[in-house]
Amino acid sequence: MTGRPNHRGWIVQESIPSADGLLCVDFFEDPNGGFGFEHFRADPEDGGRWTAVGTHGGGRYPSVGDAVAAAQDAVAWLTGEAGAAEELARFLASSARSAAPGCVTCALVTRRDDGEAPPWDMILRTDLWDVVHAFGTSVEGWLVLVLRRHETAVADLTDDEAAQLGPLIKRVSAALHTALGCQKTYVAQFAEAAEHPHVHVHVIARHADQPSEWVGPGIFFNGMGGENEVTETRRNEIAAAVAAVL
């Protein structure tokens, strides 16, 4: 049962079974600190009693994402079986709710989970990434790809998150070309703002008539809103146009 301490004292957050039901991986939180996982098998000779495979349960990791990444490295079927990989992706997405107090990006992910986000803030959702239009910008088509769980560095993405990111950047860029007629897109990731330390990738439309001070890195200094900020109505219009071709 998830959500309660088991006989080892672990609070099991998710249990992912193999396709044949004879193996599973439990992900847990240790009340003494950290996260971990254990690999189990059901032994027919013991009436289906679950027995630990290896000693993975002794490891502790600073985040759910780190525990998942370690499990993916250690247990081949977690990524090799489509059903298990999908369950793992859903678990990672849901773990965003419990991440990083004070992170505004996490709060916005939760708002989307709750179905309360406006159209500009919910252009597309995959199991691992959200695509939204930035607020507080003067640039039409300044989109952001937001990781659905909390991590602060690209190096800490899981293999699945990284595998989705590249094609999604290309897909979103192509949608901006089609929807807005931009010449190309700029791509950047910083996550340095105090309220937004959460991995999020900027994919910004570069328009043909863009002011010279908005070209290249200057867009981050001169394209940040003010009296020419893209209105919410216009952000919603752009979101609809982009979503229609994604």
Protein backbone atom coordinates (compact mmCIF):
# COMPACT_ATOMS: atom_id res chain seq x y z
CA MET A 1 0.00 0.00 0.00
CA THR A 2 1.37 3.42 -0.93
CA GLY A 3 1.42 6.48 1.30
CA ARG A 4 2.01 4.62 4.59
CA PRO A 5 5.15 3.32 6.29
CA ASN A 6 5.78 -0.34 5.53
CA HIS A 7 7.47 -2.84 7.83
CA ARG A 8 10.85 -1.38 6.86
CA GLY A 9 9.72 2.10 7.90
CA TRP A 10 9.64 3.37 4.31
CA ILE A 11 6.75 5.50 3.03
CA VAL A 12 6.06 3.87 -0.31
CA GLN A 13 5.06 6.46 -2.90
CA GLU A 14 4.66 4.26 -5.96
CA SER A 15 4.91 0.58 -6.88
CA ILE A 16 5.48 -0.19 -10.57
CA PRO A 17 4.95 -3.80 -11.71
CA SER A 18 6.47 -5.63 -14.66
CA ALA A 19 4.21 -6.79 -17.48
CA ASP A 20 4.08 -10.36 -16.15
CA GLY A 21 3.38 -9.23 -12.58
CA LEU A 22 6.33 -11.17 -11.20
CA LEU A 23 8.56 -8.15 -10.58
CA CYS A 24 8.00 -4.68 -9.18
CA VAL A 25 9.95 -1.60 -8.14
CA ASP A 26 8.84 0.34 -5.08
CA PHE A 27 9.79 4.01 -4.76
CA PHE A 28 9.77 5.34 -1.22
CA GLU A 29 10.53 8.27 1.04
CA ASP A 30 12.63 7.62 4.13
CA PRO A 31 11.21 9.49 7.18
CA ASN A 32 14.82 9.97 8.28
CA GLY A 33 15.62 11.79 5.04
CA GLY A 34 15.98 11.06 1.36
CA PHE A 35 14.30 8.89 -1.25
CA GLY A 36 15.02 5.39 -2.49
CA PHE A 37 13.84 2.34 -4.41
CA GLU A 38 13.87 -1.42 -4.13
CA HIS A 39 13.42 -4.13 -6.76
CA PHE A 40 11.24 -7.10 -5.77
CA ARG A 41 10.25 -10.44 -7.27
CA ALA A 42 7.29 -12.68 -6.42
CA ASP A 43 8.54 -16.18 -5.65
CA PRO A 44 6.02 -18.88 -6.68
CA GLU A 45 7.59 -21.32 -4.24
CA ASP A 46 6.78 -18.88 -1.42
CA GLY A 47 3.20 -18.39 -2.48
CA GLY A 48 3.91 -15.15 -4.30
CA ARG A 49 5.69 -13.51 -1.37
CA TRP A 50 7.73 -10.49 -2.46
CA THR A 51 11.50 -10.82 -2.02
CA ALA A 52 14.02 -8.02 -2.53
CA VAL A 53 16.32 -8.38 -5.53
CA GLY A 54 19.73 -6.98 -4.63
CA THR A 55 20.33 -4.29 -2.02
CA HIS A 56 19.01 -1.20 -3.77
CA GLY A 57 16.91 -0.23 -0.75
CA GLY A 58 20.00 0.88 1.15
CA GLY A 59 20.63 3.83 -1.19
CA ARG A 60 19.29 7.31 -0.43
CA TYR A 61 18.86 10.09 -2.96
CA PRO A 62 18.11 13.80 -2.51
CA SER A 63 15.02 13.80 -4.75
CA VAL A 64 12.45 11.52 -6.31
CA GLY A 65 14.01 12.23 -9.69
CA ASP A 66 17.41 11.04 -8.51
CA ALA A 67 15.89 7.83 -7.13
CA VAL A 68 14.07 7.22 -10.43
CA ALA A 69 17.23 7.83 -12.45
CA ALA A 70 19.14 5.34 -10.29
CA ALA A 71 16.37 2.76 -10.67
CA GLN A 72 16.37 3.19 -14.45
CA ASP A 73 20.09 2.47 -14.49
CA ALA A 74 19.76 -0.56 -12.24
CA VAL A 75 16.53 -2.19 -13.50
CA ALA A 76 16.43 -2.68 -17.26
CA TRP A 77 12.72 -3.51 -17.61
CA LEU A 78 11.66 -0.16 -16.12
CA THR A 79 12.59 1.53 -19.38
CA GLY A 80 12.44 -1.54 -21.63
CA GLU A 81 8.73 -2.24 -21.06
CA ALA A 82 6.40 0.39 -22.49
CA GLY A 83 3.80 0.01 -19.75
CA ALA A 84 6.34 0.40 -16.97
CA ALA A 85 7.94 3.41 -18.67
CA GLU A 86 4.53 5.11 -18.92
CA GLU A 87 3.77 4.43 -15.26
CA LEU A 88 7.18 5.81 -14.32
CA ALA A 89 6.56 8.98 -16.34
CA ARG A 90 3.20 9.51 -14.63
CA PHE A 91 4.82 9.04 -11.23
CA LEU A 92 7.51 11.62 -12.03
CA ALA A 93 4.90 14.11 -13.23
CA SER A 94 2.81 13.69 -10.09
CA SER A 95 5.87 14.14 -7.87
CA ALA A 96 6.08 17.78 -8.98
CA ARG A 97 3.35 18.65 -6.47
CA SER A 98 5.58 17.90 -3.52
CA ALA A 99 8.64 19.75 -4.80
CA ALA A 100 10.39 22.96 -3.79
CA PRO A 101 8.46 25.21 -1.40
CA GLY A 102 8.52 28.77 -2.72
CA CYS A 103 9.07 27.72 -6.34
CA VAL A 104 6.57 29.69 -8.43
CA THR A 105 7.18 27.37 -11.37
CA CYS A 106 6.03 24.40 -9.27
CA ALA A 107 2.94 26.37 -8.22
CA LEU A 108 2.09 27.00 -11.87
CA VAL A 109 2.49 23.29 -12.68
CA THR A 110 0.07 22.52 -9.85
CA ARG A 111 -2.40 25.09 -11.22
CA ARG A 112 -2.31 23.25 -14.55
CA ASP A 113 -2.78 19.91 -12.79
CA ASP A 114 -5.87 21.35 -11.12
CA GLY A 115 -7.31 22.56 -14.46
CA GLU A 116 -7.24 26.20 -13.35
CA ALA A 117 -4.67 27.62 -15.81
CA PRO A 118 -5.69 30.08 -18.57
CA PRO A 119 -5.19 28.99 -22.20
CA TRP A 120 -1.86 30.81 -22.63
CA ASP A 121 -0.46 28.82 -19.69
CA MET A 122 -1.54 25.43 -21.00
CA ILE A 123 -0.73 25.21 -24.72
CA LEU A 124 0.39 21.60 -24.55
CA ARG A 125 1.06 19.05 -21.81
CA THR A 126 3.05 15.88 -22.29
CA ASP A 127 3.57 13.43 -19.47
CA LEU A 128 6.86 15.18 -18.61
CA TRP A 129 6.78 18.74 -20.02
CA ASP A 130 4.37 21.68 -20.23
CA VAL A 131 4.40 24.23 -23.08
CA VAL A 132 3.22 27.74 -22.15
CA HIS A 133 3.46 31.33 -23.35
CA ALA A 134 5.64 33.54 -21.15
CA PHE A 135 4.04 36.39 -19.22
CA GLY A 136 5.72 39.75 -18.66
CA THR A 137 7.21 39.84 -22.17
CA SER A 138 6.85 42.14 -25.17
CA VAL A 139 7.66 39.34 -27.62
CA GLU A 140 4.78 37.50 -29.25
CA GLY A 141 5.56 33.80 -29.28
CA TRP A 142 7.95 33.70 -26.31
CA LEU A 143 7.17 30.15 -25.28
CA VAL A 144 8.54 28.16 -22.36
CA LEU A 145 8.95 24.39 -22.00
CA VAL A 146 8.52 23.64 -18.31
CA LEU A 147 9.63 20.42 -16.64
CA ARG A 148 6.61 19.01 -14.78
CA ARG A 149 8.62 18.00 -11.73
CA HIS A 150 11.13 20.09 -9.82
CA GLU A 151 14.77 19.95 -10.84
CA THR A 152 17.25 22.81 -10.93
CA ALA A 153 19.77 21.53 -13.49
CA VAL A 154 19.54 19.95 -16.94
CA ALA A 155 22.15 17.38 -15.84
CA ASP A 156 19.56 15.98 -13.41
CA LEU A 157 16.91 15.23 -16.04
CA THR A 158 15.93 11.61 -16.36
CA ASP A 159 16.70 9.83 -19.61
CA ASP A 160 13.03 10.02 -20.57
CA GLU A 161 12.80 13.76 -19.85
CA ALA A 162 15.93 14.43 -21.90
CA ALA A 163 14.69 12.22 -24.74
CA GLN A 164 11.45 14.20 -24.96
CA LEU A 165 13.08 17.62 -24.73
CA GLY A 166 15.00 17.72 -28.02
CA PRO A 167 12.11 16.69 -30.28
CA LEU A 168 9.74 18.96 -28.33
CA ILE A 169 12.01 21.99 -28.93
CA LYS A 170 11.97 21.23 -32.65
CA ARG A 171 8.21 20.63 -32.68
CA VAL A 172 7.45 23.88 -30.83
CA SER A 173 9.84 25.83 -33.05
CA ALA A 174 8.12 24.49 -36.16
CA ALA A 175 4.73 25.41 -34.70
CA LEU A 176 5.91 28.99 -34.11
CA HIS A 177 7.11 29.20 -37.73
CA THR A 178 3.70 28.03 -38.95
CA ALA A 179 1.51 29.98 -36.53
CA LEU A 180 3.41 33.29 -36.42
CA GLY A 181 5.63 33.24 -39.49
CA CYS A 182 8.81 33.81 -37.49
CA GLN A 183 12.22 33.41 -39.16
CA LYS A 184 13.72 31.16 -36.50
CA THR A 185 13.67 30.60 -32.74
CA TYR A 186 16.07 31.31 -29.89
CA VAL A 187 16.54 28.56 -27.28
CA ALA A 188 17.90 29.14 -23.76
CA GLN A 189 17.75 27.71 -20.23
CA PHE A 190 18.90 29.57 -17.09
CA ALA A 191 16.59 28.89 -14.10
CA GLU A 192 18.42 31.55 -12.10
CA ALA A 193 15.54 33.73 -10.84
CA ALA A 194 14.93 33.25 -7.12
CA GLU A 195 11.27 32.33 -7.62
CA HIS A 196 11.92 30.18 -10.72
CA PRO A 197 14.91 27.91 -9.97
CA HIS A 198 13.06 25.08 -11.75
CA VAL A 199 14.28 23.83 -15.16
CA HIS A 200 12.41 25.65 -17.93
CA VAL A 201 13.56 26.12 -21.51
CA HIS A 202 12.80 29.32 -23.43
CA VAL A 203 11.84 28.87 -27.10
CA ILE A 204 11.44 32.39 -28.45
CA ALA A 205 10.11 33.45 -31.83
CA ARG A 206 12.57 35.64 -33.77
CA HIS A 207 10.40 37.82 -36.03
CA ALA A 208 11.58 39.40 -39.29
CA ASP A 209 10.64 42.90 -38.09
CA GLN A 210 12.10 42.46 -34.62
CA PRO A 211 13.75 45.63 -33.19
CA SER A 212 17.54 45.46 -33.37
CA GLU A 213 17.82 45.68 -29.58
CA TRP A 214 15.81 42.45 -29.34
CA VAL A 215 18.18 40.51 -31.62
CA GLY A 216 20.34 37.85 -29.96
CA PRO A 217 20.99 38.00 -26.20
CA GLY A 218 19.52 41.51 -26.05
CA ILE A 219 16.05 39.99 -26.09
CA PHE A 220 16.47 39.11 -22.41
CA PHE A 221 17.24 42.73 -21.51
CA ASN A 222 14.90 44.60 -23.85
CA GLY A 223 12.00 42.27 -24.53
CA MET A 224 10.70 41.92 -20.98
CA GLY A 225 7.34 43.63 -20.97
CA GLY A 226 6.69 47.18 -19.85
CA GLU A 227 4.14 49.24 -21.71
CA ASN A 228 4.41 46.95 -24.76
CA GLU A 229 3.74 43.75 -22.83
CA VAL A 230 1.80 41.14 -24.80
CA THR A 231 -1.74 41.24 -23.39
CA GLU A 232 -3.42 38.20 -21.92
CA THR A 233 -5.95 38.25 -24.77
CA ARG A 234 -3.17 38.16 -27.34
CA ARG A 235 -1.30 35.44 -25.42
CA ASN A 236 -4.45 33.34 -25.51
CA GLU A 237 -4.79 33.92 -29.29
CA ILE A 238 -1.18 32.87 -29.88
CA ALA A 239 -1.65 29.82 -27.64
CA ALA A 240 -4.65 28.71 -29.69
CA ALA A 241 -2.79 29.21 -32.99
CA VAL A 242 0.26 27.29 -31.79
CA ALA A 243 -1.79 24.50 -30.22
CA ALA A 244 -3.66 24.03 -33.49
CA VAL A 245 -0.47 23.05 -35.31
CA LEU A 246 1.35 21.15 -32.56
